[in-house]
Protein backbone atom coordinates (compact mmCIF):
# COMPACT_ATOMS: atom_id res chain seq x y z
CA MET A 1 -29.84 3.63 35.83
CA ALA A 2 -27.87 5.60 38.41
CA GLN A 3 -28.45 8.81 36.46
CA ASN A 4 -32.19 8.14 36.34
CA ASP A 5 -32.26 7.49 40.08
CA LEU A 6 -30.37 10.71 40.75
CA MET A 7 -32.74 12.70 38.51
CA ASN A 8 -35.81 11.12 40.12
CA ASN A 9 -34.49 11.89 43.61
CA ALA A 10 -33.79 15.49 42.61
CA GLU A 11 -37.30 15.86 41.18
CA ASP A 12 -38.76 14.39 44.39
CA VAL A 13 -36.87 16.99 46.43
CA ALA A 14 -38.14 19.77 44.13
CA ASP A 15 -41.72 18.47 44.42
CA ARG A 16 -41.51 18.37 48.21
CA PHE A 17 -40.15 21.93 48.22
CA LEU A 18 -43.07 23.07 46.07
CA ARG A 19 -45.65 21.37 48.28
CA VAL A 20 -44.23 23.06 51.37
CA THR A 21 -43.86 26.52 49.79
CA LYS A 22 -46.77 26.64 47.33
CA GLN A 23 -48.81 29.01 49.54
CA TYR A 24 -46.22 31.76 49.71
CA LEU A 25 -43.76 31.06 46.85
CA PRO A 26 -45.69 33.22 44.31
CA HIS A 27 -45.68 36.14 46.80
CA ILE A 28 -41.92 35.83 47.29
CA ALA A 29 -41.47 35.59 43.52
CA ARG A 30 -43.44 38.78 42.91
CA LEU A 31 -41.55 40.65 45.63
CA CYS A 32 -38.20 39.58 44.18
CA LEU A 33 -39.35 40.42 40.67
CA ILE A 34 -40.30 44.02 41.44
CA SER A 35 -37.32 44.64 43.74
CA THR A 36 -35.17 46.34 41.09
CA PHE A 37 -38.02 48.70 40.14
CA LEU A 38 -38.70 49.47 43.80
CA GLU A 39 -35.03 50.19 44.49
CA ASP A 40 -34.66 52.30 41.36
CA GLY A 41 -37.81 54.30 42.14
CA ILE A 42 -36.53 55.07 45.64
CA ARG A 43 -33.12 55.98 44.18
CA MET A 44 -34.81 58.45 41.83
CA TRP A 45 -36.22 60.23 44.90
CA PHE A 46 -32.94 60.40 46.81
CA GLN A 47 -30.80 61.15 43.74
CA TRP A 48 -33.26 63.45 41.98
CA SER A 49 -30.70 66.18 41.24
CA GLU A 50 -27.99 63.79 40.04
CA GLN A 51 -30.37 61.90 37.72
CA ARG A 52 -31.86 65.11 36.33
CA GLU A 53 -28.44 66.62 35.69
CA TYR A 54 -27.25 63.43 33.97
CA ILE A 55 -30.22 63.36 31.57
CA GLU A 56 -30.03 67.10 30.96
CA THR A 57 -26.30 66.93 30.18
CA THR A 58 -26.44 63.73 28.11
CA TRP A 59 -29.42 64.63 25.97
CA GLY A 60 -29.39 68.43 26.16
CA CYS A 61 -33.15 68.35 26.70
CA GLY A 62 -33.39 71.15 29.25
CA TYR A 63 -34.39 71.31 32.89
CA PHE A 64 -38.12 70.65 32.38
CA PHE A 65 -37.86 67.48 30.27
CA ALA A 66 -35.02 66.08 32.39
CA SER A 67 -37.14 66.59 35.52
CA LEU A 68 -40.13 65.02 33.75
CA PHE A 69 -38.01 61.96 32.91
CA VAL A 70 -37.05 61.48 36.57
CA LEU A 71 -40.65 62.02 37.71
CA ILE A 72 -42.01 59.44 35.25
CA ASN A 73 -39.43 56.91 36.42
CA LEU A 74 -40.16 57.60 40.08
CA LEU A 75 -43.96 57.45 39.88
CA GLY A 76 -44.05 54.73 37.22
CA GLN A 77 -41.84 52.34 39.13
CA LEU A 78 -43.16 52.94 42.65
CA GLY A 79 -46.77 53.01 41.44
CA GLY A 80 -46.30 49.81 39.42
CA CYS A 81 -44.73 48.03 42.39
CA ILE A 82 -47.59 49.04 44.69
CA LEU A 83 -50.20 47.79 42.20
CA ILE A 84 -48.41 44.47 41.70
CA LEU A 85 -47.94 43.81 45.40
CA SER A 86 -51.56 44.75 46.15
CA ARG A 87 -52.77 42.60 43.18
CA ASN A 88 -54.70 45.52 41.65
CA PHE A 89 -54.56 46.37 37.92
CA VAL A 90 -51.53 44.07 37.56
CA GLN A 91 -51.68 44.01 33.78
CA TYR A 92 -51.60 47.83 33.58
CA ALA A 93 -48.73 47.88 36.07
CA CYS A 94 -46.76 45.38 33.96
CA PHE A 95 -47.28 47.42 30.80
CA GLY A 96 -46.17 50.53 32.68
CA LEU A 97 -42.98 48.80 33.84
CA PHE A 98 -42.35 47.56 30.29
CA GLY A 99 -42.47 51.22 29.28
CA ILE A 100 -39.99 52.15 32.02
CA ILE A 101 -37.57 49.46 30.79
CA ALA A 102 -37.82 50.76 27.23
CA LEU A 103 -37.41 54.38 28.35
CA GLN A 104 -34.32 53.63 30.44
CA THR A 105 -32.82 51.45 27.71
CA ILE A 106 -32.84 54.47 25.39
CA ALA A 107 -32.08 57.21 27.94
CA TYR A 108 -29.08 55.45 29.49
CA SER A 109 -27.77 54.12 26.13
CA ILE A 110 -28.24 50.52 27.29
CA LEU A 111 -29.24 49.66 23.72
CA TRP A 112 -25.55 49.68 22.71
CA ASP A 113 -24.29 47.63 25.67
CA PRO A 114 -25.00 43.90 25.04
CA LYS A 115 -24.58 42.88 28.67
CA PHE A 116 -26.99 45.42 30.13
CA LEU A 117 -29.37 45.02 27.19
CA MET A 118 -29.65 41.27 27.85
CA ARG A 119 -30.29 41.96 31.51
CA ASN A 120 -33.07 44.41 30.65
CA LEU A 121 -34.58 41.85 28.29
CA ALA A 122 -34.42 39.28 31.10
CA LEU A 123 -36.33 41.74 33.30
CA GLY A 124 -38.93 41.97 30.55
CA GLY A 125 -39.15 38.18 30.58
CA GLY A 126 -39.97 38.25 34.28
CA LEU A 127 -42.72 40.79 33.66
CA LEU A 128 -44.14 38.58 30.88
CA LEU A 129 -44.41 35.72 33.37
CA LEU A 130 -46.11 38.03 35.85
CA LEU A 131 -48.50 39.14 33.11
CA ALA A 132 -49.29 35.49 32.33
CA GLU A 133 -49.98 34.82 36.00
CA SER A 134 -52.36 37.79 36.20
CA ARG A 135 -54.28 36.55 33.15
CA SER A 136 -54.69 33.20 34.87
CA GLU A 137 -56.00 34.86 38.02
CA GLY A 138 -58.44 36.94 35.97
CA ARG A 139 -59.90 33.85 34.33
CA SER A 140 -60.29 32.07 37.67
CA MET A 141 -63.03 34.59 38.55
CA PHE A 142 -65.13 33.03 35.80
CA ALA A 143 -64.39 29.38 36.47
CA GLY A 144 -66.54 27.02 34.44
CA VAL A 145 -67.30 29.52 31.68
CA PRO A 146 -66.04 28.03 28.39
CA THR A 147 -63.86 30.18 26.13
CA MET A 148 -62.11 29.60 22.84
CA ARG A 149 -58.36 28.89 23.19
CA GLU A 150 -58.29 30.82 26.44
CA SER A 151 -54.87 29.59 27.46
CA SER A 152 -52.99 30.32 24.22
CA PRO A 153 -51.91 33.90 25.01
CA LYS A 154 -50.81 32.84 28.49
CA GLN A 155 -48.83 29.90 27.10
CA TYR A 156 -46.91 32.06 24.66
CA MET A 157 -46.28 34.67 27.33
CA GLN A 158 -44.77 31.94 29.51
CA LEU A 159 -42.64 30.73 26.59
CA GLY A 160 -41.43 34.26 25.85
CA GLY A 161 -40.77 34.89 29.53
CA ARG A 162 -38.69 31.72 29.88
CA VAL A 163 -36.62 32.48 26.80
CA LEU A 164 -35.94 36.08 27.84
CA LEU A 165 -35.09 35.10 31.42
CA VAL A 166 -32.22 32.87 30.31
CA LEU A 167 -30.51 35.87 28.68
CA MET A 168 -29.45 36.87 32.20
CA PHE A 169 -27.24 33.79 32.36
CA MET A 170 -25.56 34.63 29.07
CA THR A 171 -24.01 37.61 30.88
CA LEU A 172 -22.56 35.31 33.56
CA LEU A 173 -20.60 33.03 31.23
CA HIS A 174 -16.81 33.33 31.57
CA PHE A 175 -14.79 32.66 28.45
CA ASP A 176 -11.53 31.40 29.89
CA THR A 177 -9.83 28.01 30.04
CA SER A 178 -9.89 27.30 33.77
CA PHE A 179 -11.59 24.04 34.77
CA LEU A 180 -14.03 25.78 37.12
CA SER A 181 -15.14 28.25 34.44
CA ILE A 182 -15.59 25.52 31.84
CA LEU A 183 -17.61 23.42 34.28
CA GLN A 184 -19.77 26.41 35.28
CA ASN A 185 -20.38 27.30 31.64
CA LEU A 186 -21.36 23.73 30.70
CA VAL A 187 -23.71 23.23 33.65
CA GLY A 188 -25.19 26.71 33.32
CA THR A 189 -25.76 26.35 29.58
CA ALA A 190 -27.45 22.97 30.06
CA LEU A 191 -29.78 24.41 32.70
CA ILE A 192 -30.77 27.48 30.68
CA VAL A 193 -31.49 25.30 27.64
CA LEU A 194 -33.74 23.08 29.80
CA VAL A 195 -35.65 26.13 31.07
CA ALA A 196 -35.95 27.64 27.59
CA VAL A 197 -37.37 24.47 25.98
CA GLY A 198 -39.44 23.60 29.05
CA PHE A 199 -37.92 20.20 29.91
CA LYS A 200 -37.61 19.26 33.60
CA THR A 201 -38.46 22.92 33.95
CA LYS A 202 -39.23 23.28 37.64
CA LEU A 203 -36.12 21.37 38.70
CA ALA A 204 -33.88 23.28 36.26
CA ALA A 205 -35.37 26.66 37.28
CA LEU A 206 -34.99 25.87 40.99
CA THR A 207 -31.35 24.87 40.43
CA LEU A 208 -30.75 28.15 38.59
CA VAL A 209 -32.37 30.06 41.47
CA ILE A 210 -29.92 28.50 43.93
CA TRP A 211 -26.96 29.11 41.60
CA LEU A 212 -27.91 32.70 40.84
CA LEU A 213 -28.69 33.48 44.49
CA THR A 214 -25.23 32.24 45.51
CA ILE A 215 -23.50 34.28 42.78
CA ASN A 216 -25.54 37.35 43.65
CA VAL A 217 -24.76 37.35 47.35
CA TYR A 218 -21.07 36.59 46.77
CA PHE A 219 -20.24 38.92 43.87
CA ASN A 220 -22.76 41.76 44.37
CA ALA A 221 -22.34 42.34 48.11
CA PHE A 222 -22.84 46.11 47.87
CA TRP A 223 -23.33 46.36 51.64
CA THR A 224 -19.60 45.70 52.11
CA ILE A 225 -18.67 48.82 50.09
CA PRO A 226 -18.93 52.33 51.60
CA ALA A 227 -21.92 54.23 50.20
CA TYR A 228 -19.80 57.11 48.91
CA LYS A 229 -17.86 54.87 46.49
CA PRO A 230 -19.20 54.47 42.92
CA MET A 231 -18.79 50.68 43.16
CA HIS A 232 -21.48 50.64 45.85
CA ASP A 233 -24.16 51.88 43.44
CA PHE A 234 -22.93 49.63 40.64
CA LEU A 235 -23.08 46.49 42.79
CA LYS A 236 -26.43 47.55 44.24
CA TYR A 237 -27.86 47.92 40.73
CA ASP A 238 -26.52 44.49 39.76
CA PHE A 239 -27.82 42.90 42.98
CA PHE A 240 -31.41 44.04 42.55
CA GLN A 241 -31.50 43.29 38.82
CA THR A 242 -30.33 39.77 39.56
CA THR A 243 -32.88 39.46 42.37
CA SER A 244 -35.63 40.37 39.89
CA VAL A 245 -34.52 37.59 37.53
CA ILE A 246 -34.55 35.21 40.51
CA GLY A 247 -38.16 36.30 41.06
CA GLY A 248 -38.97 35.44 37.45
CA LEU A 249 -37.43 31.99 37.84
CA LEU A 250 -39.40 31.45 41.05
CA LEU A 251 -42.56 32.20 39.05
CA VAL A 252 -41.50 29.47 36.62
CA VAL A 253 -41.05 27.11 39.58
CA ALA A 254 -44.42 28.07 41.06
CA LEU A 255 -46.50 28.13 37.86
CA GLY A 256 -44.72 25.62 35.66
CA PRO A 257 -43.52 26.09 32.08
CA GLY A 258 -46.94 26.45 30.44
CA GLY A 259 -48.44 24.67 27.46
CA VAL A 260 -45.66 25.42 24.96
CA SER A 261 -43.03 23.20 26.56
CA MET A 262 -41.63 19.69 26.40
CA ASP A 263 -42.95 18.95 29.89
CA GLU A 264 -46.50 19.64 28.69
CA LYS A 265 -46.03 17.70 25.44
CA LYS A 266 -44.79 14.67 27.38
CA LYS A 267 -48.27 14.29 28.85
CA ASP A 268 -49.58 13.59 25.32
CA TRP A 269 -46.89 11.03 24.46
C-alpha cells in the first residue's frame, strides 16, 4: 500500500510538471536534442585544419576528399539544426543528421568502440523520436481526414527511439562492488527497462532526465578545464552528446511512449 501511494504521488508530481511545462517542453527537448550536432558543426568551422588533417592522415584520401568530409559535416549539421529549430523540412533534416551519424561512425572508427557506438545509436534514437513528432505535426494539418493505420509508423518510430535511447545508460553502468555503484546500477537498469517497454514511461523518463542531468553537470564539466588541454574537448563532446540524449528523453516525457507500449495497452485492459 505504501509503495502504491509513493508511486501515485510521484506520478501526480510528474503530471503537474507536464501541465506547467507542456507549452515549452517540446521546444526545450528539440534544442537539447540538436545541441551535439550544433556544437560539432561549429567545431568543424573553428577546427577545420585539424579535422581535415586527421581525416587525410587516417584514411589517406587526399586534401580534396578530406576537405569535402569536413564541409559535409559542417553544412549538414548546422543546416539540419536550423531546419529543426525553425520547424521546416524536419523529416529531411533528421535523415540528413542520420547520415552524419553514420558517416562519423565510420570515419572516426566509432564502429569498433562499443561505448561510443552505443552513444551514437542513442543519438539516432533521439532523432527517431523527433521524426515521429514531425509526422504527427504533419498529420495535424489534415485533421479529420481518415487514413488507414496512420499512426503505425509513428508508433514503431517511438518504440525504436525509446529502445535506442536507453543504450546511453548502458555506458554509465559501473561494474564494481561498492554499495553506491550497485544501487545506481539497479535503479538505473530498472528505469531504462521501464522506458524501453513503455511502462510508467513519463515518470521513468523524467527520473532519468534528472539523473542524467546531474551526472552530466558533475562529470562532464568541461568549463572547468583550460581550453588548450585535450580533456576539455573530450568532456565537451561527452557533455553535448549526453545533453542530446536528455533531449530525446524529454520528447518521451512530452509526447508519451506511443501505441507500442504497456502504458497504451493498459487502456485496453
